[in-house]
């Protein structure tokens, strides 16, 4: 597994692309769907899985972005999961910059990726632990709220942790605009 490729989650939409969060590394940054020249991201015409920039249009709505090109129409929604390539752009005078690029135009299907399910569960656990208040960390309250089985623990994380995770995505989206 190459470290340059990772799963990313769309957490904010912009006029020329979207912002992604990469839970594997704790990184976030922009993915551009339209270049400064006006060309939009589209699948390569040679039938490979690669993407290129070409003529087309981009339409931003409140919860999704639609990219129309000669290769078809693609919809990018909030909280979609994509595979991105992470590139390091060196500079002689400034600190190096990380750039994120989509590797496919279509989102990942999470049901096909058992390792992604485990990663999301670990992320939710980490978020729920970090969002716990100091008063709830006392031994008496933590022992009474502790689930008994693994199934109950996953259910507890889904109920309290997923909401916390979505709230953190919302906060990150609001702070970047």
C-alpha atoms as a PDB file:
ATOM      1  CA  UNK A   1       0.000   0.000   0.000  1.00  0.00           C
ATOM      2  CA  UNK A   2       1.489   3.281  -1.161  1.00  0.00           C
ATOM      3  CA  UNK A   3       1.318   6.055   1.436  1.00  0.00           C
ATOM      4  CA  UNK A   4       0.601   8.602  -1.303  1.00  0.00           C
ATOM      5  CA  UNK A   5      -2.928   7.215  -1.772  1.00  0.00           C
ATOM      6  CA  UNK A   6      -5.577   7.384   0.920  1.00  0.00           C
ATOM      7  CA  UNK A   7      -9.310   7.604   1.531  1.00  0.00           C
ATOM      8  CA  UNK A   8     -10.696  11.118   2.011  1.00  0.00           C
ATOM      9  CA  UNK A   9     -14.084  12.463   3.129  1.00  0.00           C
ATOM     10  CA  UNK A  10     -15.693  15.567   1.582  1.00  0.00           C
ATOM     11  CA  UNK A  11     -16.571  17.971   4.396  1.00  0.00           C
ATOM     12  CA  UNK A  12     -17.097  21.298   2.614  1.00  0.00           C
ATOM     13  CA  UNK A  13     -18.011  22.430  -0.890  1.00  0.00           C
ATOM     14  CA  UNK A  14     -16.286  25.361  -2.611  1.00  0.00           C
ATOM     15  CA  UNK A  15     -16.905  27.179  -5.894  1.00  0.00           C
ATOM     16  CA  UNK A  16     -14.102  25.305  -7.718  1.00  0.00           C
ATOM     17  CA  UNK A  17     -13.959  22.008  -5.805  1.00  0.00           C
ATOM     18  CA  UNK A  18     -14.289  20.756  -2.253  1.00  0.00           C
ATOM     19  CA  UNK A  19     -12.372  20.338   0.997  1.00  0.00           C
ATOM     20  CA  UNK A  20     -11.472  16.845   2.168  1.00  0.00           C
ATOM     21  CA  UNK A  21     -10.461  15.308   5.471  1.00  0.00           C
ATOM     22  CA  UNK A  22      -8.031  12.375   5.382  1.00  0.00           C
ATOM     23  CA  UNK A  23      -8.574  10.488   8.653  1.00  0.00           C
ATOM     24  CA  UNK A  24      -5.589   8.199   8.120  1.00  0.00           C
ATOM     25  CA  UNK A  25      -3.175  11.137   8.529  1.00  0.00           C
ATOM     26  CA  UNK A  26      -5.401  13.784  10.111  1.00  0.00           C
ATOM     27  CA  UNK A  27      -4.927  16.042   7.082  1.00  0.00           C
ATOM     28  CA  UNK A  28      -7.396  18.347   5.402  1.00  0.00           C
ATOM     29  CA  UNK A  29      -7.169  20.452   2.282  1.00  0.00           C
ATOM     30  CA  UNK A  30      -8.689  21.329  -1.076  1.00  0.00           C
ATOM     31  CA  UNK A  31      -9.345  19.089  -4.067  1.00  0.00           C
ATOM     32  CA  UNK A  32      -9.856  21.163  -7.195  1.00  0.00           C
ATOM     33  CA  UNK A  33     -12.472  20.126  -9.744  1.00  0.00           C
ATOM     34  CA  UNK A  34     -11.868  23.192 -11.927  1.00  0.00           C
ATOM     35  CA  UNK A  35      -8.464  24.589 -12.847  1.00  0.00           C
ATOM     36  CA  UNK A  36      -7.713  28.301 -13.161  1.00  0.00           C
ATOM     37  CA  UNK A  37      -7.921  27.869 -16.946  1.00  0.00           C
ATOM     38  CA  UNK A  38     -11.578  26.790 -16.583  1.00  0.00           C
ATOM     39  CA  UNK A  39     -11.118  23.110 -17.448  1.00  0.00           C
ATOM     40  CA  UNK A  40     -12.932  20.594 -15.227  1.00  0.00           C
ATOM     41  CA  UNK A  41     -12.005  17.158 -13.904  1.00  0.00           C
ATOM     42  CA  UNK A  42     -13.251  14.251 -16.020  1.00  0.00           C
ATOM     43  CA  UNK A  43     -12.395  10.591 -16.593  1.00  0.00           C
ATOM     44  CA  UNK A  44      -9.683   9.858 -19.146  1.00  0.00           C
ATOM     45  CA  UNK A  45     -11.053   8.958 -22.578  1.00  0.00           C
ATOM     46  CA  UNK A  46      -8.690   5.975 -22.975  1.00  0.00           C
ATOM     47  CA  UNK A  47     -10.853   3.826 -20.684  1.00  0.00           C
ATOM     48  CA  UNK A  48      -8.354   3.760 -17.829  1.00  0.00           C
ATOM     49  CA  UNK A  49      -9.204   4.706 -14.255  1.00  0.00           C
ATOM     50  CA  UNK A  50      -7.215   7.932 -14.438  1.00  0.00           C
ATOM     51  CA  UNK A  51      -8.656  11.450 -14.511  1.00  0.00           C
ATOM     52  CA  UNK A  52      -7.745  14.475 -16.634  1.00  0.00           C
ATOM     53  CA  UNK A  53      -8.824  18.086 -16.945  1.00  0.00           C
ATOM     54  CA  UNK A  54     -10.829  19.048 -20.032  1.00  0.00           C
ATOM     55  CA  UNK A  55     -13.632  21.315 -21.227  1.00  0.00           C
ATOM     56  CA  UNK A  56     -16.845  21.277 -19.236  1.00  0.00           C
ATOM     57  CA  UNK A  57     -18.870  23.082 -16.602  1.00  0.00           C
ATOM     58  CA  UNK A  58     -19.204  22.983 -12.839  1.00  0.00           C
ATOM     59  CA  UNK A  59     -22.470  23.706 -10.981  1.00  0.00           C
ATOM     60  CA  UNK A  60     -22.372  24.139  -7.184  1.00  0.00           C
ATOM     61  CA  UNK A  61     -25.510  23.545  -5.118  1.00  0.00           C
ATOM     62  CA  UNK A  62     -25.921  23.634  -1.335  1.00  0.00           C
ATOM     63  CA  UNK A  63     -25.129  19.929  -0.695  1.00  0.00           C
ATOM     64  CA  UNK A  64     -23.419  18.791  -3.906  1.00  0.00           C
ATOM     65  CA  UNK A  65     -21.391  19.830  -6.953  1.00  0.00           C
ATOM     66  CA  UNK A  66     -22.211  18.606 -10.457  1.00  0.00           C
ATOM     67  CA  UNK A  67     -19.459  18.445 -13.095  1.00  0.00           C
ATOM     68  CA  UNK A  68     -20.623  18.116 -16.710  1.00  0.00           C
ATOM     69  CA  UNK A  69     -18.201  17.297 -19.500  1.00  0.00           C
ATOM     70  CA  UNK A  70     -18.044  15.371 -22.756  1.00  0.00           C
ATOM     71  CA  UNK A  71     -17.303  12.248 -20.669  1.00  0.00           C
ATOM     72  CA  UNK A  72     -20.579  12.562 -18.735  1.00  0.00           C
ATOM     73  CA  UNK A  73     -21.941  14.089 -15.561  1.00  0.00           C
ATOM     74  CA  UNK A  74     -20.516  13.424 -12.096  1.00  0.00           C
ATOM     75  CA  UNK A  75     -22.007  14.432  -8.756  1.00  0.00           C
ATOM     76  CA  UNK A  76     -19.863  15.135  -5.677  1.00  0.00           C
ATOM     77  CA  UNK A  77     -21.802  15.324  -2.378  1.00  0.00           C
ATOM     78  CA  UNK A  78     -20.950  16.204   1.193  1.00  0.00           C
ATOM     79  CA  UNK A  79     -19.544  13.239   3.163  1.00  0.00           C
ATOM     80  CA  UNK A  80     -18.752  11.236   0.005  1.00  0.00           C
ATOM     81  CA  UNK A  81     -15.601   9.116   0.307  1.00  0.00           C
ATOM     82  CA  UNK A  82     -12.973   9.325  -2.433  1.00  0.00           C
ATOM     83  CA  UNK A  83      -9.510   7.957  -2.989  1.00  0.00           C
ATOM     84  CA  UNK A  84      -6.991  10.794  -3.283  1.00  0.00           C
ATOM     85  CA  UNK A  85      -3.341  11.028  -4.248  1.00  0.00           C
ATOM     86  CA  UNK A  86      -1.209  13.163  -1.945  1.00  0.00           C
ATOM     87  CA  UNK A  87       1.628  15.063  -3.637  1.00  0.00           C
ATOM     88  CA  UNK A  88       4.359  17.092  -1.969  1.00  0.00           C
ATOM     89  CA  UNK A  89       5.162  20.262  -3.919  1.00  0.00           C
ATOM     90  CA  UNK A  90       8.672  21.443  -2.935  1.00  0.00           C
ATOM     91  CA  UNK A  91       9.684  25.082  -2.923  1.00  0.00           C
ATOM     92  CA  UNK A  92      13.059  26.771  -2.659  1.00  0.00           C
ATOM     93  CA  UNK A  93      11.756  29.740  -0.667  1.00  0.00           C
ATOM     94  CA  UNK A  94       8.676  28.474   1.185  1.00  0.00           C
ATOM     95  CA  UNK A  95       7.684  25.402   3.130  1.00  0.00           C
ATOM     96  CA  UNK A  96       6.626  22.438   0.973  1.00  0.00           C
ATOM     97  CA  UNK A  97       2.904  22.225   0.208  1.00  0.00           C
ATOM     98  CA  UNK A  98       0.660  19.142   0.161  1.00  0.00           C
ATOM     99  CA  UNK A  99      -1.711  18.888  -2.807  1.00  0.00           C
ATOM    100  CA  UNK A 100      -4.623  16.448  -3.008  1.00  0.00           C
ATOM    101  CA  UNK A 101      -5.850  15.020  -6.329  1.00  0.00           C
ATOM    102  CA  UNK A 102      -8.767  12.685  -7.038  1.00  0.00           C
ATOM    103  CA  UNK A 103      -7.786   9.344  -8.520  1.00  0.00           C
ATOM    104  CA  UNK A 104     -11.334   8.484  -9.749  1.00  0.00           C
ATOM    105  CA  UNK A 105     -14.391  10.561 -10.596  1.00  0.00           C
ATOM    106  CA  UNK A 106     -16.805   8.295  -8.739  1.00  0.00           C
ATOM    107  CA  UNK A 107     -17.016   7.938  -4.934  1.00  0.00           C
ATOM    108  CA  UNK A 108     -15.863   4.820  -3.120  1.00  0.00           C
ATOM    109  CA  UNK A 109     -18.434   2.212  -2.156  1.00  0.00           C
ATOM    110  CA  UNK A 110     -17.777   1.670   1.521  1.00  0.00           C
ATOM    111  CA  UNK A 111     -19.516  -1.702   1.625  1.00  0.00           C
ATOM    112  CA  UNK A 112     -16.704  -3.123  -0.523  1.00  0.00           C
ATOM    113  CA  UNK A 113     -13.987  -2.000   1.879  1.00  0.00           C
ATOM    114  CA  UNK A 114     -13.915  -3.792   5.248  1.00  0.00           C
ATOM    115  CA  UNK A 115     -10.681  -1.994   6.210  1.00  0.00           C
ATOM    116  CA  UNK A 116     -12.416   1.353   5.650  1.00  0.00           C
ATOM    117  CA  UNK A 117     -15.163   0.296   8.046  1.00  0.00           C
ATOM    118  CA  UNK A 118     -12.585  -0.455  10.735  1.00  0.00           C
ATOM    119  CA  UNK A 119     -10.827   2.861  10.095  1.00  0.00           C
ATOM    120  CA  UNK A 120     -14.080   4.805  10.436  1.00  0.00           C
ATOM    121  CA  UNK A 121     -14.871   2.977  13.666  1.00  0.00           C
ATOM    122  CA  UNK A 122     -11.418   3.867  15.027  1.00  0.00           C
ATOM    123  CA  UNK A 123     -11.945   7.495  13.986  1.00  0.00           C
ATOM    124  CA  UNK A 124     -15.327   7.642  15.715  1.00  0.00           C
ATOM    125  CA  UNK A 125     -13.779   6.130  18.867  1.00  0.00           C
ATOM    126  CA  UNK A 126     -11.010   8.733  18.840  1.00  0.00           C
ATOM    127  CA  UNK A 127     -13.459  11.581  18.303  1.00  0.00           C
ATOM    128  CA  UNK A 128     -15.782  10.362  21.047  1.00  0.00           C
ATOM    129  CA  UNK A 129     -12.855  10.063  23.476  1.00  0.00           C
ATOM    130  CA  UNK A 130     -11.549  13.547  22.625  1.00  0.00           C
ATOM    131  CA  UNK A 131     -14.990  15.147  22.875  1.00  0.00           C
ATOM    132  CA  UNK A 132     -15.706  13.671  26.323  1.00  0.00           C
ATOM    133  CA  UNK A 133     -15.873  16.357  28.994  1.00  0.00           C
ATOM    134  CA  UNK A 134     -13.474  16.252  31.961  1.00  0.00           C
ATOM    135  CA  UNK A 135     -16.369  15.745  34.377  1.00  0.00           C
ATOM    136  CA  UNK A 136     -17.355  12.514  32.632  1.00  0.00           C
ATOM    137  CA  UNK A 137     -13.851  11.090  33.038  1.00  0.00           C
ATOM    138  CA  UNK A 138     -14.322  10.377  36.732  1.00  0.00           C
ATOM    139  CA  UNK A 139     -14.231   6.718  37.658  1.00  0.00           C
ATOM    140  CA  UNK A 140     -17.786   6.566  39.005  1.00  0.00           C
ATOM    141  CA  UNK A 141     -19.455   8.006  35.914  1.00  0.00           C
ATOM    142  CA  UNK A 142     -17.258   6.164  33.420  1.00  0.00           C
ATOM    143  CA  UNK A 143     -17.932   2.779  34.990  1.00  0.00           C
ATOM    144  CA  UNK A 144     -21.711   3.246  34.910  1.00  0.00           C
ATOM    145  CA  UNK A 145     -21.753   4.353  31.252  1.00  0.00           C
ATOM    146  CA  UNK A 146     -19.375   1.686  29.989  1.00  0.00           C
ATOM    147  CA  UNK A 147     -20.966  -0.803  27.546  1.00  0.00           C
ATOM    148  CA  UNK A 148     -20.688  -4.468  28.462  1.00  0.00           C
ATOM    149  CA  UNK A 149     -20.177  -6.126  25.054  1.00  0.00           C
ATOM    150  CA  UNK A 150     -18.470  -5.208  21.787  1.00  0.00           C
ATOM    151  CA  UNK A 151     -21.850  -4.932  20.081  1.00  0.00           C
ATOM    152  CA  UNK A 152     -23.073  -2.501  22.741  1.00  0.00           C
ATOM    153  CA  UNK A 153     -19.820  -0.555  22.430  1.00  0.00           C
ATOM    154  CA  UNK A 154     -20.253  -0.151  18.659  1.00  0.00           C
ATOM    155  CA  UNK A 155     -23.866   0.871  19.192  1.00  0.00           C
ATOM    156  CA  UNK A 156     -22.816   3.398  21.853  1.00  0.00           C
ATOM    157  CA  UNK A 157     -20.151   4.848  19.523  1.00  0.00           C
ATOM    158  CA  UNK A 158     -22.639   5.133  16.663  1.00  0.00           C
ATOM    159  CA  UNK A 159     -25.141   6.916  18.886  1.00  0.00           C
ATOM    160  CA  UNK A 160     -22.866   9.422  20.625  1.00  0.00           C
ATOM    161  CA  UNK A 161     -19.650   9.427  18.592  1.00  0.00           C
ATOM    162  CA  UNK A 162     -21.078   9.749  15.107  1.00  0.00           C
ATOM    163  CA  UNK A 163     -22.976  12.878  16.083  1.00  0.00           C
ATOM    164  CA  UNK A 164     -19.785  14.330  17.570  1.00  0.00           C
ATOM    165  CA  UNK A 165     -17.885  13.460  14.400  1.00  0.00           C
ATOM    166  CA  UNK A 166     -20.459  15.163  12.193  1.00  0.00           C
ATOM    167  CA  UNK A 167     -20.443  18.220  14.446  1.00  0.00           C
ATOM    168  CA  UNK A 168     -16.650  18.432  14.132  1.00  0.00           C
ATOM    169  CA  UNK A 169     -16.927  18.226  10.332  1.00  0.00           C
ATOM    170  CA  UNK A 170     -19.528  21.003  10.473  1.00  0.00           C
ATOM    171  CA  UNK A 171     -17.242  23.138  12.629  1.00  0.00           C
ATOM    172  CA  UNK A 172     -14.299  22.573  10.281  1.00  0.00           C
ATOM    173  CA  UNK A 173     -16.447  23.509   7.282  1.00  0.00           C
ATOM    174  CA  UNK A 174     -17.593  26.719   8.932  1.00  0.00           C
ATOM    175  CA  UNK A 175     -14.070  27.727   9.969  1.00  0.00           C
ATOM    176  CA  UNK A 176     -12.664  27.362   6.417  1.00  0.00           C
ATOM    177  CA  UNK A 177     -15.262  29.569   4.696  1.00  0.00           C
END
